[in-house]
């Protein structure tokens, strides 16, 4: 696996890097996997590939120094602020069941499960729930591709596919500001549905997480 060292970029830069890595893998017929871990500055709302943006108060975001960017992957919006984001790129044939979307999510997410287990944090897959379409905030939706701790969503992931290659990326929630999330997404943030590293392991630092993924 090729590891891209952790870096902090703007939302537009982060999405461009993921896009460029995917295109380069396709062009070079890269047969291995690429794992990238990154942060965001300034904070940024990312929209799913086909998601409408009419729910956003762009003046509010601008006045609070929050950028907006559109992802290659689908799904609903996220606030990238107090989190780590990962991207995982590979040819579908790299996985045992790469052609199957659900199974590929599971195989890629097993990498994350293994890493967190080394810290004594045991994650499992979320239970598919009926999607309430009013939710714009991705972390409030639960699919079989999510990773949860004690039934609460910690990591939300999404995929896109291009020319036989998979790009999966997701948000590892370090902490969250419930009030800010509610102002951005105009919906109640039910803390019974989500959790964060700060809640699970308050003494675990972001640097420790970065080191965990840097050594494999």
N, C-alpha and C. Protein backbone atom coordinates (compact mmCIF):
# COMPACT_ATOMS: atom_id res chain seq x y z
N UNK A 1 0.84 -1.20 0.00
CA UNK A 1 0.00 0.00 0.00
C UNK A 1 0.88 1.25 0.00
N UNK A 2 0.51 2.21 -0.82
CA UNK A 2 1.22 3.49 -0.85
C UNK A 2 0.54 4.45 0.10
N UNK A 3 1.31 5.00 1.04
CA UNK A 3 0.76 5.93 2.02
C UNK A 3 1.16 7.35 1.66
N UNK A 4 0.17 8.25 1.60
CA UNK A 4 0.42 9.67 1.35
C UNK A 4 0.47 10.37 2.70
N UNK A 5 1.60 10.98 3.07
CA UNK A 5 1.73 11.60 4.40
C UNK A 5 0.64 12.63 4.68
N UNK A 6 0.28 12.72 5.94
CA UNK A 6 -0.75 13.65 6.40
C UNK A 6 -0.39 15.09 6.03
N UNK A 7 -1.39 15.81 5.59
CA UNK A 7 -1.22 17.23 5.30
C UNK A 7 -2.56 17.94 5.47
N UNK A 8 -2.48 19.22 5.72
CA UNK A 8 -3.68 20.05 5.87
C UNK A 8 -3.78 20.98 4.66
N UNK A 9 -4.92 20.93 3.98
CA UNK A 9 -5.13 21.74 2.78
C UNK A 9 -6.52 22.36 2.82
N UNK A 10 -6.78 23.26 1.89
CA UNK A 10 -8.14 23.79 1.73
C UNK A 10 -9.04 22.69 1.16
N UNK A 11 -10.34 22.92 1.23
CA UNK A 11 -11.27 21.95 0.68
C UNK A 11 -11.05 21.71 -0.80
N UNK A 12 -10.88 22.79 -1.56
CA UNK A 12 -10.67 22.65 -3.00
C UNK A 12 -9.39 21.89 -3.30
N UNK A 13 -8.33 22.17 -2.53
CA UNK A 13 -7.06 21.47 -2.73
C UNK A 13 -7.19 19.98 -2.39
N UNK A 14 -7.87 19.68 -1.30
CA UNK A 14 -8.02 18.28 -0.90
C UNK A 14 -8.79 17.48 -1.95
N UNK A 15 -9.86 18.04 -2.47
CA UNK A 15 -10.64 17.32 -3.47
C UNK A 15 -9.86 17.18 -4.78
N UNK A 16 -9.07 18.18 -5.11
CA UNK A 16 -8.26 18.10 -6.33
C UNK A 16 -7.17 17.04 -6.20
N UNK A 17 -6.56 16.96 -5.02
CA UNK A 17 -5.53 15.94 -4.80
C UNK A 17 -6.13 14.54 -4.93
N UNK A 18 -7.28 14.31 -4.32
CA UNK A 18 -7.93 13.00 -4.45
C UNK A 18 -8.24 12.68 -5.91
N UNK A 19 -8.74 13.68 -6.63
CA UNK A 19 -9.06 13.48 -8.05
C UNK A 19 -7.81 13.17 -8.85
N UNK A 20 -6.73 13.91 -8.57
CA UNK A 20 -5.48 13.69 -9.30
C UNK A 20 -4.88 12.32 -8.99
N UNK A 21 -4.96 11.89 -7.73
CA UNK A 21 -4.45 10.56 -7.37
C UNK A 21 -5.22 9.46 -8.08
N UNK A 22 -6.53 9.63 -8.15
CA UNK A 22 -7.36 8.65 -8.85
C UNK A 22 -7.00 8.60 -10.33
N UNK A 23 -6.89 9.76 -10.96
CA UNK A 23 -6.56 9.80 -12.39
C UNK A 23 -5.18 9.24 -12.66
N UNK A 24 -4.23 9.54 -11.79
CA UNK A 24 -2.87 9.02 -11.96
C UNK A 24 -2.84 7.50 -11.84
N UNK A 25 -3.61 6.97 -10.89
CA UNK A 25 -3.66 5.52 -10.72
C UNK A 25 -4.23 4.86 -11.98
N UNK A 26 -5.25 5.48 -12.56
CA UNK A 26 -5.85 4.95 -13.78
C UNK A 26 -4.85 5.02 -14.94
N UNK A 27 -4.22 6.17 -15.09
CA UNK A 27 -3.30 6.38 -16.22
C UNK A 27 -2.08 5.46 -16.16
N UNK A 28 -1.61 5.17 -14.95
CA UNK A 28 -0.40 4.33 -14.80
C UNK A 28 -0.74 2.87 -14.57
N UNK A 29 -2.05 2.57 -14.57
CA UNK A 29 -2.49 1.19 -14.33
C UNK A 29 -1.93 0.67 -13.00
N UNK A 30 -2.02 1.51 -11.98
CA UNK A 30 -1.47 1.19 -10.65
C UNK A 30 -2.25 0.02 -10.05
N UNK A 31 -1.53 -0.98 -9.59
CA UNK A 31 -2.16 -2.22 -9.14
C UNK A 31 -2.33 -2.32 -7.63
N UNK A 32 -1.69 -1.40 -6.90
CA UNK A 32 -1.75 -1.44 -5.44
C UNK A 32 -2.82 -0.47 -4.95
N UNK A 33 -2.88 -0.30 -3.63
CA UNK A 33 -3.81 0.66 -3.03
C UNK A 33 -3.05 1.90 -2.58
N UNK A 34 -3.75 3.01 -2.52
CA UNK A 34 -3.21 4.29 -2.05
C UNK A 34 -4.06 4.73 -0.86
N UNK A 35 -3.39 5.07 0.23
CA UNK A 35 -4.12 5.56 1.41
C UNK A 35 -3.60 6.95 1.75
N UNK A 36 -4.53 7.88 1.88
CA UNK A 36 -4.18 9.27 2.20
C UNK A 36 -4.98 9.72 3.41
N UNK A 37 -4.33 10.43 4.32
CA UNK A 37 -4.98 10.97 5.50
C UNK A 37 -4.73 12.47 5.50
N UNK A 38 -5.79 13.27 5.73
CA UNK A 38 -5.61 14.71 5.63
C UNK A 38 -6.57 15.50 6.50
N UNK A 39 -6.23 16.78 6.67
CA UNK A 39 -7.06 17.70 7.41
C UNK A 39 -7.46 18.88 6.53
N UNK A 40 -8.26 19.78 7.09
CA UNK A 40 -8.85 20.87 6.32
C UNK A 40 -8.61 22.22 7.02
N UNK A 41 -8.20 23.20 6.26
CA UNK A 41 -8.10 24.57 6.78
C UNK A 41 -8.28 25.54 5.62
N UNK A 42 -9.31 26.40 5.70
CA UNK A 42 -10.26 26.53 6.81
C UNK A 42 -11.28 25.39 6.83
N UNK A 43 -12.15 25.41 7.84
CA UNK A 43 -13.25 24.45 7.88
C UNK A 43 -14.04 24.53 6.58
N UNK A 44 -14.65 23.42 6.20
CA UNK A 44 -15.28 23.37 4.88
C UNK A 44 -16.48 22.44 4.90
N UNK A 45 -17.55 22.85 4.26
CA UNK A 45 -18.68 21.95 4.00
C UNK A 45 -18.46 21.31 2.64
N UNK A 46 -18.49 19.97 2.60
CA UNK A 46 -18.42 19.28 1.31
C UNK A 46 -19.80 18.71 0.99
N UNK A 47 -20.19 18.88 -0.25
CA UNK A 47 -21.47 18.38 -0.74
C UNK A 47 -21.25 17.11 -1.54
N UNK A 48 -22.19 16.18 -1.44
CA UNK A 48 -22.13 14.98 -2.27
C UNK A 48 -22.24 15.34 -3.74
N UNK A 49 -21.76 14.46 -4.57
CA UNK A 49 -21.65 14.73 -6.01
C UNK A 49 -22.93 15.29 -6.61
N UNK A 50 -24.08 14.74 -6.22
CA UNK A 50 -25.35 15.16 -6.84
C UNK A 50 -26.27 15.91 -5.87
N UNK A 51 -25.74 16.31 -4.74
CA UNK A 51 -26.55 16.96 -3.71
C UNK A 51 -26.80 18.43 -4.04
N UNK A 52 -28.02 18.87 -3.86
CA UNK A 52 -28.34 20.28 -4.03
C UNK A 52 -27.77 21.10 -2.88
N UNK A 53 -27.49 22.37 -3.14
CA UNK A 53 -26.90 23.22 -2.10
C UNK A 53 -27.87 24.29 -1.61
N UNK A 54 -29.16 24.16 -1.95
CA UNK A 54 -30.10 25.22 -1.63
C UNK A 54 -30.43 25.33 -0.14
N UNK A 55 -30.02 24.35 0.66
CA UNK A 55 -30.26 24.40 2.10
C UNK A 55 -29.20 25.22 2.82
N UNK A 56 -28.11 25.54 2.14
CA UNK A 56 -26.99 26.24 2.76
C UNK A 56 -27.22 27.75 2.80
N UNK A 57 -26.90 28.34 3.94
CA UNK A 57 -26.87 29.80 4.07
C UNK A 57 -25.43 30.22 3.78
N UNK A 58 -25.17 30.56 2.53
CA UNK A 58 -23.79 30.83 2.11
C UNK A 58 -23.21 32.07 2.78
N UNK A 59 -24.04 33.02 3.10
CA UNK A 59 -23.55 34.20 3.80
C UNK A 59 -23.11 33.85 5.22
N UNK A 60 -23.88 32.95 5.87
CA UNK A 60 -23.49 32.49 7.21
C UNK A 60 -22.15 31.78 7.16
N UNK A 61 -21.99 30.90 6.18
CA UNK A 61 -20.73 30.17 6.05
C UNK A 61 -19.57 31.13 5.80
N UNK A 62 -19.78 32.06 4.90
CA UNK A 62 -18.73 33.02 4.57
C UNK A 62 -18.33 33.85 5.78
N UNK A 63 -19.33 34.29 6.53
CA UNK A 63 -19.04 35.14 7.69
C UNK A 63 -18.34 34.37 8.80
N UNK A 64 -18.46 33.05 8.77
CA UNK A 64 -17.78 32.22 9.76
C UNK A 64 -16.53 31.55 9.21
N UNK A 65 -16.11 31.98 8.03
CA UNK A 65 -14.87 31.48 7.46
C UNK A 65 -14.91 30.02 7.04
N UNK A 66 -16.09 29.56 6.63
CA UNK A 66 -16.25 28.16 6.24
C UNK A 66 -16.41 28.06 4.73
N UNK A 67 -15.55 27.28 4.10
CA UNK A 67 -15.60 27.09 2.64
C UNK A 67 -16.68 26.09 2.25
N UNK A 68 -16.92 26.01 0.94
CA UNK A 68 -17.84 25.01 0.37
C UNK A 68 -17.13 24.34 -0.79
N UNK A 69 -17.24 23.03 -0.89
CA UNK A 69 -16.65 22.30 -2.01
C UNK A 69 -17.55 21.12 -2.35
N UNK A 70 -17.47 20.64 -3.58
CA UNK A 70 -18.24 19.46 -3.98
C UNK A 70 -17.30 18.27 -4.11
N UNK A 71 -17.74 17.12 -3.59
CA UNK A 71 -16.93 15.90 -3.63
C UNK A 71 -17.14 15.13 -4.92
N UNK A 72 -16.20 14.26 -5.22
CA UNK A 72 -16.38 13.30 -6.31
C UNK A 72 -17.40 12.24 -5.93
N UNK A 73 -17.45 11.92 -4.65
CA UNK A 73 -18.32 10.85 -4.18
C UNK A 73 -19.72 11.36 -3.89
N UNK A 74 -20.64 10.42 -3.74
CA UNK A 74 -22.03 10.77 -3.47
C UNK A 74 -22.28 11.01 -2.00
N UNK A 75 -23.54 10.85 -1.60
CA UNK A 75 -23.91 11.05 -0.21
C UNK A 75 -24.33 12.47 0.10
N UNK A 76 -24.49 12.73 1.39
CA UNK A 76 -24.94 14.04 1.87
C UNK A 76 -23.75 14.87 2.35
N UNK A 77 -24.06 16.06 2.81
CA UNK A 77 -23.03 17.03 3.17
C UNK A 77 -22.36 16.69 4.50
N UNK A 78 -21.12 17.16 4.62
CA UNK A 78 -20.34 17.05 5.85
C UNK A 78 -19.70 18.38 6.17
N UNK A 79 -19.50 18.64 7.46
CA UNK A 79 -18.66 19.75 7.88
C UNK A 79 -17.30 19.16 8.23
N UNK A 80 -16.29 19.54 7.49
CA UNK A 80 -14.94 19.07 7.75
C UNK A 80 -14.24 20.12 8.62
N UNK A 81 -14.12 19.80 9.88
CA UNK A 81 -13.55 20.76 10.82
C UNK A 81 -12.71 19.99 11.83
N UNK A 82 -13.34 19.46 12.85
CA UNK A 82 -12.64 18.70 13.89
C UNK A 82 -12.67 17.23 13.53
N UNK A 83 -11.87 16.87 12.54
CA UNK A 83 -11.91 15.50 12.03
C UNK A 83 -10.61 15.17 11.31
N UNK A 84 -10.45 13.88 11.01
CA UNK A 84 -9.46 13.40 10.05
C UNK A 84 -10.24 12.83 8.88
N UNK A 85 -9.77 13.09 7.69
CA UNK A 85 -10.39 12.52 6.50
C UNK A 85 -9.41 11.54 5.87
N UNK A 86 -9.95 10.43 5.40
CA UNK A 86 -9.10 9.47 4.68
C UNK A 86 -9.60 9.32 3.26
N UNK A 87 -8.70 8.95 2.37
CA UNK A 87 -9.10 8.49 1.05
C UNK A 87 -8.33 7.20 0.74
N UNK A 88 -9.01 6.28 0.10
CA UNK A 88 -8.46 4.97 -0.25
C UNK A 88 -8.76 4.74 -1.72
N UNK A 89 -7.71 4.57 -2.50
CA UNK A 89 -7.87 4.39 -3.95
C UNK A 89 -7.26 3.06 -4.35
N UNK A 90 -7.96 2.30 -5.16
CA UNK A 90 -7.42 1.03 -5.63
C UNK A 90 -8.18 0.58 -6.87
N UNK A 91 -7.58 -0.29 -7.70
CA UNK A 91 -8.36 -0.91 -8.76
C UNK A 91 -9.36 -1.88 -8.13
N UNK A 92 -10.50 -2.03 -8.73
CA UNK A 92 -11.51 -2.94 -8.18
C UNK A 92 -10.95 -4.34 -8.01
N UNK A 93 -10.06 -4.75 -8.89
CA UNK A 93 -9.51 -6.09 -8.83
C UNK A 93 -8.56 -6.29 -7.65
N UNK A 94 -8.15 -5.19 -7.00
CA UNK A 94 -7.30 -5.29 -5.81
C UNK A 94 -8.05 -5.97 -4.67
N UNK A 95 -9.38 -5.83 -4.66
CA UNK A 95 -10.22 -6.40 -3.62
C UNK A 95 -10.79 -7.75 -4.06
N UNK A 96 -11.12 -8.57 -3.09
CA UNK A 96 -11.71 -9.87 -3.40
C UNK A 96 -13.06 -9.72 -4.10
N UNK A 97 -13.82 -8.72 -3.66
CA UNK A 97 -15.15 -8.50 -4.21
C UNK A 97 -15.31 -7.05 -4.65
N UNK A 98 -14.30 -6.58 -5.38
CA UNK A 98 -14.27 -5.17 -5.75
C UNK A 98 -15.40 -4.72 -6.65
N UNK A 99 -15.98 -5.63 -7.41
CA UNK A 99 -17.07 -5.23 -8.32
C UNK A 99 -18.39 -5.03 -7.58
N UNK A 100 -18.47 -5.54 -6.35
CA UNK A 100 -19.68 -5.42 -5.55
C UNK A 100 -19.53 -4.22 -4.62
N UNK A 101 -20.39 -3.24 -4.76
CA UNK A 101 -20.24 -2.00 -4.01
C UNK A 101 -20.28 -2.25 -2.50
N UNK A 102 -21.28 -2.97 -2.03
CA UNK A 102 -21.40 -3.22 -0.59
C UNK A 102 -20.20 -3.97 -0.05
N UNK A 103 -19.79 -5.03 -0.75
CA UNK A 103 -18.66 -5.83 -0.28
C UNK A 103 -17.36 -5.04 -0.32
N UNK A 104 -17.22 -4.15 -1.30
CA UNK A 104 -15.99 -3.36 -1.37
C UNK A 104 -15.90 -2.38 -0.22
N UNK A 105 -17.04 -1.80 0.18
CA UNK A 105 -17.05 -0.94 1.36
C UNK A 105 -16.55 -1.73 2.58
N UNK A 106 -17.05 -2.93 2.72
CA UNK A 106 -16.68 -3.75 3.88
C UNK A 106 -15.20 -4.06 3.86
N UNK A 107 -14.67 -4.46 2.71
CA UNK A 107 -13.25 -4.82 2.63
C UNK A 107 -12.34 -3.63 2.94
N UNK A 108 -12.66 -2.48 2.38
CA UNK A 108 -11.83 -1.30 2.64
C UNK A 108 -11.95 -0.87 4.10
N UNK A 109 -13.16 -0.93 4.64
CA UNK A 109 -13.38 -0.50 6.01
C UNK A 109 -12.73 -1.43 7.02
N UNK A 110 -12.48 -2.67 6.64
CA UNK A 110 -11.78 -3.60 7.54
C UNK A 110 -10.40 -3.07 7.89
N UNK A 111 -9.80 -2.33 6.96
CA UNK A 111 -8.50 -1.71 7.22
C UNK A 111 -8.61 -0.73 8.38
N UNK A 112 -9.68 0.06 8.40
CA UNK A 112 -9.90 1.01 9.48
C UNK A 112 -10.22 0.30 10.79
N UNK A 113 -11.02 -0.74 10.71
CA UNK A 113 -11.37 -1.51 11.91
C UNK A 113 -10.12 -2.09 12.56
N UNK A 114 -9.24 -2.64 11.74
CA UNK A 114 -8.00 -3.22 12.25
C UNK A 114 -7.14 -2.17 12.95
N UNK A 115 -7.01 -1.00 12.33
CA UNK A 115 -6.19 0.05 12.92
C UNK A 115 -6.74 0.48 14.28
N UNK A 116 -8.04 0.73 14.36
CA UNK A 116 -8.62 1.19 15.61
C UNK A 116 -8.60 0.11 16.69
N UNK A 117 -8.66 -1.15 16.28
CA UNK A 117 -8.61 -2.24 17.26
C UNK A 117 -7.28 -2.24 18.01
N UNK A 118 -6.23 -1.75 17.37
CA UNK A 118 -4.92 -1.69 18.02
C UNK A 118 -4.89 -0.66 19.15
N UNK A 119 -5.87 0.22 19.16
CA UNK A 119 -6.00 1.21 20.23
C UNK A 119 -7.05 0.78 21.25
N UNK A 120 -7.58 -0.42 21.07
CA UNK A 120 -8.62 -0.90 21.97
C UNK A 120 -9.99 -0.32 21.66
N UNK A 121 -10.14 0.27 20.47
CA UNK A 121 -11.42 0.83 20.03
C UNK A 121 -12.02 -0.13 19.00
N UNK A 122 -13.06 -0.81 19.40
CA UNK A 122 -13.65 -1.84 18.54
C UNK A 122 -14.84 -1.27 17.77
N UNK A 123 -14.65 -1.17 16.47
CA UNK A 123 -15.68 -0.63 15.60
C UNK A 123 -16.40 -1.74 14.87
N UNK A 124 -17.65 -1.49 14.51
CA UNK A 124 -18.37 -2.43 13.67
C UNK A 124 -19.22 -1.66 12.67
N UNK A 125 -19.83 -2.39 11.77
CA UNK A 125 -20.58 -1.74 10.69
C UNK A 125 -21.95 -1.30 11.17
N UNK A 126 -22.36 -0.15 10.67
CA UNK A 126 -23.66 0.38 11.03
C UNK A 126 -24.79 -0.45 10.49
N UNK A 127 -25.92 -0.30 11.11
CA UNK A 127 -27.13 -0.97 10.66
C UNK A 127 -27.86 -0.10 9.65
N UNK A 128 -28.21 -0.68 8.54
CA UNK A 128 -28.95 0.09 7.53
C UNK A 128 -30.28 0.55 8.11
N UNK A 129 -30.53 1.85 8.06
CA UNK A 129 -31.80 2.39 8.52
C UNK A 129 -32.53 3.06 7.37
N UNK A 130 -33.82 3.15 7.51
CA UNK A 130 -34.59 3.86 6.49
C UNK A 130 -34.10 5.29 6.40
N UNK A 131 -33.83 5.74 5.17
CA UNK A 131 -33.29 7.08 4.98
C UNK A 131 -34.41 8.11 5.07
N UNK A 132 -34.25 9.03 6.03
CA UNK A 132 -35.20 10.14 6.11
C UNK A 132 -34.62 11.26 5.26
N UNK A 133 -35.25 11.52 4.15
CA UNK A 133 -34.63 12.38 3.13
C UNK A 133 -34.45 13.82 3.59
N UNK A 134 -35.07 14.21 4.70
CA UNK A 134 -34.89 15.59 5.16
C UNK A 134 -33.47 15.84 5.65
N UNK A 135 -32.77 14.78 6.03
CA UNK A 135 -31.42 14.97 6.57
C UNK A 135 -30.45 15.38 5.48
N UNK A 136 -29.79 16.52 5.70
CA UNK A 136 -28.74 16.95 4.78
C UNK A 136 -27.36 16.57 5.32
N UNK A 137 -27.26 16.41 6.65
CA UNK A 137 -25.98 16.11 7.28
C UNK A 137 -25.71 14.60 7.24
N UNK A 138 -24.62 14.24 6.61
CA UNK A 138 -24.32 12.84 6.34
C UNK A 138 -24.24 11.97 7.59
N UNK A 139 -23.71 12.52 8.68
CA UNK A 139 -23.50 11.70 9.87
C UNK A 139 -24.80 11.27 10.54
N UNK A 140 -25.92 11.88 10.16
CA UNK A 140 -27.20 11.48 10.72
C UNK A 140 -27.83 10.32 9.96
N UNK A 141 -27.25 9.95 8.84
CA UNK A 141 -27.75 8.83 8.05
C UNK A 141 -26.92 7.60 8.35
N UNK A 142 -27.57 6.46 8.42
CA UNK A 142 -26.86 5.23 8.74
C UNK A 142 -27.01 4.23 7.61
N UNK A 143 -25.87 3.75 7.11
CA UNK A 143 -25.87 2.74 6.07
C UNK A 143 -24.97 1.60 6.51
N UNK A 144 -24.99 0.52 5.76
CA UNK A 144 -24.14 -0.62 6.07
C UNK A 144 -22.68 -0.35 5.85
N UNK A 145 -22.33 0.82 5.28
CA UNK A 145 -20.94 1.17 5.02
C UNK A 145 -20.32 2.00 6.14
N UNK A 146 -21.13 2.41 7.11
CA UNK A 146 -20.63 3.25 8.18
C UNK A 146 -19.93 2.41 9.25
N UNK A 147 -19.01 3.03 9.96
CA UNK A 147 -18.37 2.37 11.08
C UNK A 147 -18.82 3.04 12.38
N UNK A 148 -19.23 2.21 13.31
CA UNK A 148 -19.84 2.69 14.54
C UNK A 148 -19.11 2.16 15.77
N UNK A 149 -19.27 2.89 16.85
CA UNK A 149 -18.77 2.46 18.15
C UNK A 149 -19.96 2.41 19.10
N UNK A 150 -20.23 1.24 19.61
CA UNK A 150 -21.40 1.03 20.47
C UNK A 150 -22.68 1.57 19.83
N UNK A 151 -22.82 1.32 18.54
CA UNK A 151 -24.03 1.69 17.83
C UNK A 151 -24.10 3.13 17.38
N UNK A 152 -23.09 3.94 17.69
CA UNK A 152 -23.07 5.34 17.29
C UNK A 152 -22.08 5.54 16.15
N UNK A 153 -22.46 6.31 15.18
CA UNK A 153 -21.63 6.51 13.99
C UNK A 153 -20.40 7.34 14.30
N UNK A 154 -19.23 6.81 13.94
CA UNK A 154 -17.96 7.50 14.11
C UNK A 154 -17.33 7.87 12.78
N UNK A 155 -17.46 6.97 11.79
CA UNK A 155 -16.84 7.19 10.48
C UNK A 155 -17.91 7.00 9.39
N UNK A 156 -18.12 8.03 8.61
CA UNK A 156 -19.01 7.92 7.46
C UNK A 156 -18.18 7.90 6.19
N UNK A 157 -18.50 7.01 5.26
CA UNK A 157 -17.71 6.84 4.05
C UNK A 157 -18.59 6.91 2.80
N UNK A 158 -17.95 7.23 1.68
CA UNK A 158 -18.64 7.29 0.40
C UNK A 158 -17.67 6.87 -0.70
N UNK A 159 -18.21 6.44 -1.83
CA UNK A 159 -17.38 5.95 -2.94
C UNK A 159 -17.74 6.63 -4.24
N UNK A 160 -16.76 6.59 -5.15
CA UNK A 160 -17.04 6.80 -6.56
C UNK A 160 -16.17 5.82 -7.33
N UNK A 161 -16.54 5.55 -8.57
CA UNK A 161 -15.83 4.58 -9.40
C UNK A 161 -15.56 5.20 -10.76
N UNK A 162 -14.37 4.90 -11.28
CA UNK A 162 -13.99 5.45 -12.57
C UNK A 162 -13.03 4.49 -13.26
N UNK A 163 -13.39 4.05 -14.44
CA UNK A 163 -12.51 3.21 -15.27
C UNK A 163 -11.94 2.01 -14.50
N UNK A 164 -12.78 1.36 -13.71
CA UNK A 164 -12.35 0.18 -13.00
C UNK A 164 -11.63 0.44 -11.69
N UNK A 165 -11.58 1.70 -11.27
CA UNK A 165 -10.92 2.06 -10.01
C UNK A 165 -11.94 2.61 -9.01
N UNK A 166 -11.61 2.44 -7.74
CA UNK A 166 -12.47 2.89 -6.65
C UNK A 166 -11.78 4.00 -5.87
N UNK A 167 -12.51 5.05 -5.58
CA UNK A 167 -12.09 6.05 -4.61
C UNK A 167 -13.10 6.00 -3.48
N UNK A 168 -12.64 5.63 -2.31
CA UNK A 168 -13.50 5.68 -1.12
C UNK A 168 -12.87 6.66 -0.15
N UNK A 169 -13.66 7.57 0.33
CA UNK A 169 -13.14 8.45 1.38
C UNK A 169 -14.18 8.65 2.46
N UNK A 170 -13.69 9.09 3.62
CA UNK A 170 -14.61 9.23 4.72
C UNK A 170 -14.07 10.12 5.82
N UNK A 171 -14.96 10.44 6.74
CA UNK A 171 -14.71 11.37 7.82
C UNK A 171 -14.61 10.61 9.14
N UNK A 172 -13.48 10.78 9.83
CA UNK A 172 -13.28 10.22 11.17
C UNK A 172 -13.50 11.38 12.14
N UNK A 173 -14.59 11.33 12.88
CA UNK A 173 -15.00 12.46 13.69
C UNK A 173 -14.17 12.54 14.97
N UNK A 174 -13.37 13.59 15.09
CA UNK A 174 -12.57 13.81 16.30
C UNK A 174 -13.41 14.49 17.37
N UNK A 175 -14.17 15.48 16.98
CA UNK A 175 -15.05 16.22 17.88
C UNK A 175 -16.08 16.93 17.02
N UNK A 176 -17.09 17.49 17.62
CA UNK A 176 -18.07 18.24 16.83
C UNK A 176 -18.71 19.33 17.68
N UNK A 177 -19.17 20.35 17.00
CA UNK A 177 -19.85 21.48 17.62
C UNK A 177 -21.33 21.36 17.25
N UNK A 178 -22.12 20.84 18.16
CA UNK A 178 -23.54 20.58 17.89
C UNK A 178 -24.28 21.84 17.45
N UNK A 179 -24.01 22.94 18.13
CA UNK A 179 -24.70 24.20 17.80
C UNK A 179 -24.37 24.66 16.39
N UNK A 180 -23.08 24.60 16.03
CA UNK A 180 -22.68 25.01 14.69
C UNK A 180 -23.28 24.10 13.64
N UNK A 181 -23.28 22.81 13.87
CA UNK A 181 -23.87 21.87 12.92
C UNK A 181 -25.35 22.16 12.69
N UNK A 182 -26.06 22.46 13.76
CA UNK A 182 -27.48 22.74 13.62
C UNK A 182 -27.73 24.04 12.86
N UNK A 183 -26.85 25.01 13.02
CA UNK A 183 -27.00 26.26 12.28
C UNK A 183 -26.71 26.05 10.78
N UNK A 184 -25.77 25.19 10.47
CA UNK A 184 -25.41 24.95 9.07
C UNK A 184 -26.46 24.10 8.37
N UNK A 185 -26.91 23.02 9.04
CA UNK A 185 -27.76 22.04 8.36
C UNK A 185 -29.25 22.21 8.68
N UNK A 186 -29.58 23.13 9.58
CA UNK A 186 -30.98 23.45 9.88
C UNK A 186 -31.77 22.21 10.30
N UNK A 187 -31.15 21.37 11.12
CA UNK A 187 -31.83 20.19 11.63
C UNK A 187 -31.24 19.82 12.99
N UNK A 188 -32.04 19.14 13.78
CA UNK A 188 -31.58 18.73 15.10
C UNK A 188 -30.48 17.67 14.95
N UNK A 189 -29.36 17.90 15.63
CA UNK A 189 -28.28 16.93 15.63
C UNK A 189 -28.47 16.02 16.83
N UNK A 190 -28.94 14.82 16.58
CA UNK A 190 -29.22 13.85 17.64
C UNK A 190 -27.91 13.19 18.06
N UNK A 191 -27.41 13.57 19.23
CA UNK A 191 -26.13 13.04 19.69
C UNK A 191 -26.21 11.57 20.08
N UNK A 192 -27.42 11.01 20.10
CA UNK A 192 -27.55 9.56 20.33
C UNK A 192 -27.17 8.77 19.08
N UNK A 193 -27.04 9.47 17.93
CA UNK A 193 -26.75 8.80 16.67
C UNK A 193 -25.27 8.84 16.29
N UNK A 194 -24.52 9.79 16.87
CA UNK A 194 -23.12 9.96 16.48
C UNK A 194 -22.22 9.99 17.70
N UNK A 195 -20.94 9.73 17.47
CA UNK A 195 -19.95 9.83 18.53
C UNK A 195 -18.66 10.38 17.94
N UNK A 196 -17.67 10.57 18.78
CA UNK A 196 -16.41 11.16 18.34
C UNK A 196 -15.26 10.53 19.11
N UNK A 197 -14.05 10.72 18.61
CA UNK A 197 -12.87 10.23 19.30
C UNK A 197 -12.77 10.88 20.68
N UNK A 198 -13.11 12.15 20.77
CA UNK A 198 -13.05 12.85 22.06
C UNK A 198 -13.94 12.17 23.09
N UNK A 199 -15.08 11.66 22.67
CA UNK A 199 -16.00 10.99 23.59
C UNK A 199 -15.52 9.57 23.92
N UNK A 200 -14.96 8.90 22.93
CA UNK A 200 -14.54 7.51 23.12
C UNK A 200 -13.24 7.41 23.89
N UNK A 201 -12.26 8.23 23.50
CA UNK A 201 -10.91 8.17 24.11
C UNK A 201 -10.38 9.59 24.23
N UNK A 202 -10.77 10.30 25.29
CA UNK A 202 -10.43 11.73 25.42
C UNK A 202 -8.94 12.03 25.38
N UNK A 203 -8.10 11.07 25.77
CA UNK A 203 -6.66 11.31 25.82
C UNK A 203 -5.95 10.98 24.51
N UNK A 204 -6.69 10.44 23.55
CA UNK A 204 -6.09 10.08 22.27
C UNK A 204 -5.91 11.32 21.41
N UNK A 205 -4.68 11.57 20.99
CA UNK A 205 -4.39 12.77 20.21
C UNK A 205 -4.50 12.51 18.71
N UNK A 206 -4.68 13.57 17.97
CA UNK A 206 -4.73 13.46 16.51
C UNK A 206 -3.39 12.94 15.99
N UNK A 207 -2.29 13.41 16.58
CA UNK A 207 -0.97 12.95 16.16
C UNK A 207 -0.83 11.44 16.34
N UNK A 208 -1.39 10.91 17.42
CA UNK A 208 -1.33 9.46 17.65
C UNK A 208 -2.10 8.70 16.58
N UNK A 209 -3.24 9.25 16.17
CA UNK A 209 -4.01 8.63 15.10
C UNK A 209 -3.26 8.66 13.78
N UNK A 210 -2.62 9.78 13.51
CA UNK A 210 -1.84 9.91 12.27
C UNK A 210 -0.71 8.89 12.27
N UNK A 211 -0.03 8.75 13.41
CA UNK A 211 1.05 7.77 13.53
C UNK A 211 0.54 6.36 13.33
N UNK A 212 -0.65 6.08 13.85
CA UNK A 212 -1.25 4.76 13.73
C UNK A 212 -1.41 4.37 12.27
N UNK A 213 -1.89 5.29 11.47
CA UNK A 213 -2.13 4.99 10.06
C UNK A 213 -0.86 5.09 9.22
N UNK A 214 0.14 5.79 9.73
CA UNK A 214 1.39 5.93 8.98
C UNK A 214 2.24 4.67 9.05
N UNK A 215 2.00 3.84 10.05
CA UNK A 215 2.78 2.62 10.25
C UNK A 215 1.91 1.41 9.99
N UNK A 216 2.20 0.68 8.95
CA UNK A 216 1.35 -0.47 8.59
C UNK A 216 2.20 -1.63 8.12
